[in-house]
Protein backbone atom coordinates (compact mmCIF):
# COMPACT_ATOMS: atom_id res chain seq x y z
CA MET A 1 207.87 206.73 318.32
CA ALA A 2 206.26 209.22 320.69
CA TYR A 3 202.72 209.75 321.92
CA LYS A 4 201.26 212.85 323.54
CA GLY A 5 201.72 212.77 327.26
CA ASN A 6 203.67 209.49 327.37
CA ARG A 7 206.72 208.42 325.41
CA VAL A 8 207.36 204.82 324.44
CA ASN A 9 210.86 203.73 325.47
CA PRO A 10 212.05 207.19 326.62
CA GLY A 11 215.74 207.93 326.44
CA LYS A 12 216.00 208.81 330.14
CA PHE A 13 214.33 207.74 333.36
CA THR A 14 210.75 208.90 333.87
CA GLY A 15 208.22 208.34 336.61
CA SER A 16 206.16 206.12 334.30
CA GLN A 17 208.95 203.52 334.38
CA VAL A 18 208.66 202.94 338.14
CA LYS A 19 205.79 200.46 337.81
CA ILE A 20 207.72 198.52 335.16
CA ILE A 21 210.82 198.38 337.37
CA LEU A 22 208.73 197.22 340.34
CA ILE A 23 207.45 194.31 338.26
CA ILE A 24 210.72 193.32 336.58
CA LEU A 25 213.13 193.81 339.50
CA PRO A 26 211.74 191.01 341.72
CA ILE A 27 211.73 188.63 338.76
CA ALA A 28 215.34 189.53 337.92
CA ILE A 29 216.41 189.04 341.53
CA ILE A 30 214.73 185.62 341.75
CA MET A 31 216.34 184.51 338.47
CA GLY A 32 219.75 185.75 339.59
CA LEU A 33 219.74 184.07 343.00
CA PRO A 34 220.94 180.64 341.73
CA ILE A 35 223.94 182.30 340.07
CA VAL A 36 224.81 184.19 343.26
CA PHE A 37 224.45 181.00 345.28
CA ILE A 38 226.85 179.07 343.00
CA PHE A 39 229.54 181.71 343.54
CA PHE A 40 229.08 181.97 347.32
CA HIS A 41 228.76 178.21 347.77
CA ALA A 42 232.15 177.55 346.18
CA PHE A 43 233.92 179.78 348.74
CA LYS A 44 232.23 178.45 351.87
CA PRO A 45 234.41 176.80 354.55
CA MET A 46 233.45 173.33 355.72
CA ASP A 47 231.30 174.40 358.65
CA GLU A 48 229.22 176.72 356.46
CA LEU A 49 228.77 174.06 353.78
CA PHE A 50 227.04 171.82 356.31
CA ALA A 51 225.41 174.54 358.41
CA TYR A 52 221.76 174.02 359.39
CA PRO A 53 219.71 175.83 358.41
CA PRO A 54 221.73 176.26 355.19
CA LYS A 55 223.36 179.64 354.64
CA PHE A 56 222.82 181.43 351.34
CA PHE A 57 225.70 183.91 351.72
CA VAL A 58 229.23 183.07 352.80
CA THR A 59 230.45 184.82 355.93
CA ARG A 60 234.08 183.59 355.97
CA PRO A 61 235.13 183.03 352.34
CA THR A 62 238.03 180.67 351.73
CA LEU A 63 239.95 179.19 348.80
CA ASP A 64 240.37 175.81 350.50
CA ASN A 65 237.83 174.12 348.22
CA PHE A 66 239.78 175.12 345.12
CA THR A 67 243.09 174.20 346.74
CA LYS A 68 241.83 170.71 347.56
CA LEU A 69 240.36 170.31 344.06
CA PHE A 70 243.61 171.17 342.29
CA LYS A 71 245.63 169.12 344.76
CA ALA A 72 243.47 166.08 344.02
CA SER A 73 243.88 166.67 340.29
CA ARG A 74 247.68 166.66 340.60
CA THR A 75 247.57 163.15 342.09
CA ALA A 76 245.78 161.80 339.03
CA GLY A 77 247.68 160.06 336.28
CA ILE A 78 246.58 162.60 333.66
CA PRO A 79 246.95 166.35 334.33
CA MET A 80 243.90 168.59 334.36
CA SER A 81 245.34 170.61 331.48
CA ARG A 82 244.76 167.60 329.22
CA TYR A 83 241.06 167.54 330.07
CA VAL A 84 240.83 171.29 329.53
CA PHE A 85 242.49 170.88 326.13
CA ASN A 86 240.07 168.10 325.17
CA SER A 87 237.06 170.18 326.18
CA LEU A 88 238.29 173.20 324.23
CA ILE A 89 238.96 171.16 321.09
CA VAL A 90 235.58 169.44 321.25
CA THR A 91 233.59 172.56 322.16
CA VAL A 92 235.11 174.84 319.52
CA THR A 93 234.84 172.20 316.79
CA VAL A 94 231.23 171.30 317.61
CA VAL A 95 230.04 174.90 317.94
CA ILE A 96 231.54 175.93 314.59
CA SER A 97 230.47 172.74 312.79
CA SER A 98 226.95 172.82 314.22
CA ILE A 99 226.43 176.46 313.25
CA VAL A 100 227.66 175.82 309.69
CA PHE A 101 225.49 172.71 309.40
CA SER A 102 222.42 174.43 310.87
CA THR A 103 222.70 177.59 308.76
CA LEU A 104 223.18 175.62 305.55
CA SER A 105 220.29 173.30 306.39
CA GLY A 106 218.09 176.19 307.49
CA PHE A 107 218.81 178.06 304.26
CA ALA A 108 218.00 175.01 302.14
CA LEU A 109 214.78 174.21 304.01
CA SER A 110 213.65 177.83 304.03
CA LYS A 111 214.56 179.25 300.63
CA LEU A 112 215.38 176.41 298.25
CA LYS A 113 212.80 174.25 296.49
CA PHE A 114 213.26 170.50 296.40
CA LYS A 115 211.18 167.41 297.01
CA GLY A 116 210.92 166.18 300.55
CA LYS A 117 212.01 169.37 302.32
CA ASN A 118 208.81 169.50 304.38
CA VAL A 119 209.38 165.91 305.45
CA LEU A 120 212.95 166.70 306.49
CA PHE A 121 211.83 169.72 308.49
CA ASN A 122 209.12 167.66 310.20
CA VAL A 123 211.73 165.03 311.10
CA ASN A 124 213.90 167.74 312.67
CA THR A 125 210.89 169.10 314.56
CA LEU A 126 210.05 165.60 315.77
CA ALA A 127 213.64 165.17 316.98
CA LEU A 128 213.07 168.06 319.40
CA MET A 129 210.81 165.74 321.40
CA PHE A 130 213.51 163.16 322.14
CA VAL A 131 215.81 163.46 325.14
CA ASN A 132 219.40 162.19 325.00
CA VAL A 133 218.56 159.01 326.91
CA ALA A 134 216.04 157.97 324.25
CA VAL A 135 218.65 158.00 321.47
CA MET A 136 221.63 156.80 323.49
CA ILE A 137 221.62 153.21 322.17
CA PRO A 138 221.15 154.14 318.47
CA THR A 139 223.88 156.75 318.81
CA TYR A 140 226.27 154.25 320.40
CA LEU A 141 225.56 151.70 317.64
CA THR A 142 226.25 154.37 315.01
CA VAL A 143 229.49 155.47 316.66
CA ASN A 144 230.61 151.87 317.00
CA PHE A 145 229.67 151.08 313.38
CA LEU A 146 231.71 154.04 312.13
CA GLY A 147 234.68 152.82 314.17
CA ILE A 148 235.30 156.17 315.84
CA THR A 149 235.17 155.07 319.49
CA ASP A 150 238.11 156.35 321.52
CA THR A 151 238.65 159.28 319.16
CA TYR A 152 237.76 162.96 319.21
CA LEU A 153 235.13 162.23 316.57
CA ALA A 154 233.19 160.22 319.16
CA HIS A 155 232.80 163.48 321.09
CA ILE A 156 232.15 165.65 318.05
CA LEU A 157 229.91 163.88 315.54
CA PRO A 158 226.99 162.97 317.86
CA LEU A 159 226.69 166.59 319.05
CA ILE A 160 226.83 168.44 315.71
CA PRO A 161 223.19 167.87 314.61
CA LEU A 162 221.33 169.89 317.26
CA PRO A 163 217.63 170.05 316.23
CA VAL A 164 216.80 173.17 318.25
CA SER A 165 219.63 175.09 316.56
CA MET A 166 218.46 174.27 313.05
CA PHE A 167 214.83 174.97 313.96
CA LEU A 168 215.71 178.41 315.33
CA LEU A 169 217.87 179.38 312.36
CA LYS A 170 215.37 178.10 309.80
CA GLN A 171 212.57 180.12 311.36
CA PHE A 172 214.79 183.22 311.37
CA ILE A 173 215.81 182.71 307.72
CA ASP A 174 212.09 182.54 306.82
CA GLU A 175 211.93 186.27 307.64
CA VAL A 176 214.57 187.20 305.04
CA PRO A 177 212.64 188.75 302.11
CA ASP A 178 212.44 186.50 299.05
CA THR A 179 212.69 189.58 296.81
CA LEU A 180 216.18 190.24 298.15
CA ILE A 181 217.30 186.72 297.25
CA GLU A 182 215.60 186.85 293.83
CA ALA A 183 217.41 190.13 293.06
CA ALA A 184 220.71 188.42 293.88
CA TYR A 185 219.86 185.53 291.53
CA ILE A 186 219.05 188.02 288.75
CA ASP A 187 222.49 189.58 289.26
CA GLY A 188 224.05 186.14 288.72
CA ALA A 189 224.67 185.08 292.32
CA SER A 190 224.82 181.38 293.11
CA GLU A 191 223.17 179.69 296.09
CA LEU A 192 226.49 179.69 297.94
CA THR A 193 226.95 183.42 297.27
CA VAL A 194 223.43 184.16 298.52
CA TYR A 195 224.17 182.13 301.62
CA ARG A 196 227.46 183.93 302.34
CA ARG A 197 226.60 187.48 301.27
CA ILE A 198 222.92 187.77 302.22
CA ILE A 199 221.75 185.06 304.62
CA LEU A 200 224.65 184.99 307.09
CA PRO A 201 224.91 188.79 307.61
CA LEU A 202 221.16 189.09 308.18
CA ILE A 203 220.88 186.28 310.73
CA LYS A 204 223.88 187.11 312.92
CA PRO A 205 221.71 187.57 316.05
CA ALA A 206 220.14 184.13 315.54
CA ILE A 207 223.58 182.60 314.96
CA ALA A 208 224.79 184.01 318.28
CA THR A 209 221.74 182.58 320.06
CA ALA A 210 222.23 179.17 318.43
CA ALA A 211 225.93 179.27 319.33
CA ILE A 212 225.26 179.66 323.04
CA LEU A 213 222.67 176.86 322.94
CA VAL A 214 225.22 174.56 321.31
CA PHE A 215 227.96 175.70 323.69
CA GLN A 216 225.85 174.85 326.74
CA VAL A 217 225.03 171.40 325.40
CA VAL A 218 228.64 170.57 324.49
CA TRP A 219 230.39 172.10 327.51
CA GLY A 220 228.18 170.26 329.99
CA ASN A 221 228.07 166.97 328.08
CA MET A 222 229.28 163.82 329.84
CA GLU A 223 227.58 161.13 327.74
CA THR A 224 230.28 160.95 325.08
CA SER A 225 233.03 160.49 327.68
CA ASN A 226 230.93 157.95 329.56
CA TYR A 227 229.81 155.72 326.70
CA TYR A 228 231.91 156.32 323.60
CA VAL A 229 235.41 156.95 325.00
CA SER A 230 237.33 154.63 327.29
CA ASP A 231 240.73 156.26 326.81
CA GLU A 232 241.16 158.47 329.86
CA SER A 233 243.37 160.93 327.98
CA LEU A 234 240.51 161.72 325.56
CA LYS A 235 237.82 162.48 328.13
CA THR A 236 236.53 166.00 328.74
CA LEU A 237 236.82 168.38 331.68
CA THR A 238 233.13 168.00 332.60
CA PHE A 239 233.53 164.25 332.98
CA TYR A 240 236.74 164.68 334.97
CA MET A 241 235.26 167.24 337.37
CA ASN A 242 232.20 165.10 337.97
CA THR A 243 234.30 161.97 338.52
CA LEU A 244 236.72 163.76 340.84
CA ALA A 245 233.90 165.11 342.98
CA ASN A 246 232.12 161.74 343.13
CA THR A 247 235.32 159.83 343.89
CA ASN A 248 235.94 162.12 346.85
CA ASN A 249 232.34 161.84 348.00
CA THR A 250 233.21 162.57 351.60
CA VAL A 251 232.70 165.58 353.80
CA ALA A 252 235.75 167.24 352.22
CA GLY A 253 234.52 166.20 348.78
CA GLN A 254 231.46 168.44 349.06
CA GLY A 255 233.66 171.51 349.01
CA MET A 256 235.47 170.18 345.96
CA SER A 257 232.12 169.60 344.26
CA ALA A 258 231.09 173.19 344.94
CA ALA A 259 234.38 174.48 343.47
CA ALA A 260 234.06 172.21 340.43
CA MET A 261 230.49 173.41 339.87
CA LEU A 262 231.66 177.03 339.77
CA ILE A 263 234.56 176.25 337.41
CA MET A 264 232.19 174.54 334.98
CA PHE A 265 229.61 177.33 335.24
CA VAL A 266 231.89 180.32 334.63
CA PRO A 267 232.59 179.61 330.91
CA ASN A 268 228.82 179.49 330.25
CA LEU A 269 228.37 182.82 331.99
CA ILE A 270 231.27 184.46 330.14
CA PHE A 271 230.07 183.18 326.76
CA PHE A 272 226.55 184.44 327.44
CA ILE A 273 227.83 187.90 328.45
CA LEU A 274 229.86 188.13 325.24
CA VAL A 275 226.88 187.40 322.98
CA GLN A 276 224.00 188.76 325.07
CA ASN A 277 223.40 191.77 322.81
CA SER A 278 222.93 189.51 319.82
CA ILE A 279 220.59 187.27 321.82
CA MET A 280 218.47 190.28 322.78
CA ASN A 281 218.34 191.28 319.10
CA THR A 282 217.09 187.80 318.22
CA MET A 283 214.25 188.13 320.72
CA ALA A 284 213.42 191.61 319.45
CA HIS A 285 213.31 190.53 315.81
CA SER A 286 211.44 187.29 316.46
CA GLY A 287 208.12 189.14 316.40
CA ILE A 288 208.87 191.19 313.28
CA LYS A 289 207.43 189.76 310.08
């Protein structure tokens, strides 16, 4: 859409964009500084890690922190590859299961008519208010009652119902026109067909956003390994990295902690980069009714 004199969202750089860049650029730099610091901090030698005043940038980068981290992992009874495998199994399973559960629930609460759906949605909204610590004991009692302690299910089941994911997807499904769904019903489509052929293709940006939210929760989760799993071979990489850094809580251990922090952060960054376009589409469509 164009206006006389000024164009909205011009295809190339214009002088009118300078004031926008001057506003956004400082904000972007401030938001990006923690990410830059994580990368530089992991490659700092020992004297720069404990320098005063602290140094933001690394002047003499080294791989010693990573070398010490992997050397310490080789002395453990269980190889790091086992923890990586556990984290991959748990993360992939939870992300897929949570998205399926959230999209089905969001579709039912948004487009289907049945008694009690408003109550169920209000319960989900209320669940957004509770932090993990508040539900830790009930969750442990449930896991123990089901008899799934020391299994992969102890990692997976408590993390599948993510209230924020279902809330986001339900709100996005609300924007799908009812006339489109009614036309599908007239053509003989079932609820499952409407869900697969209409709902899922139209909410792909919201699914990508929900996926990264779930990924961040699962990848950085330590509670399940701490409280529901005692078998060391079933614990996740996040728990192992945190334990390894705390066990070596010495001067040398600080470098290992910095390296472990970067290793745990990189998958989040990569996953976000892969789905960022879809996330931007979700934000763009969120105001369209």
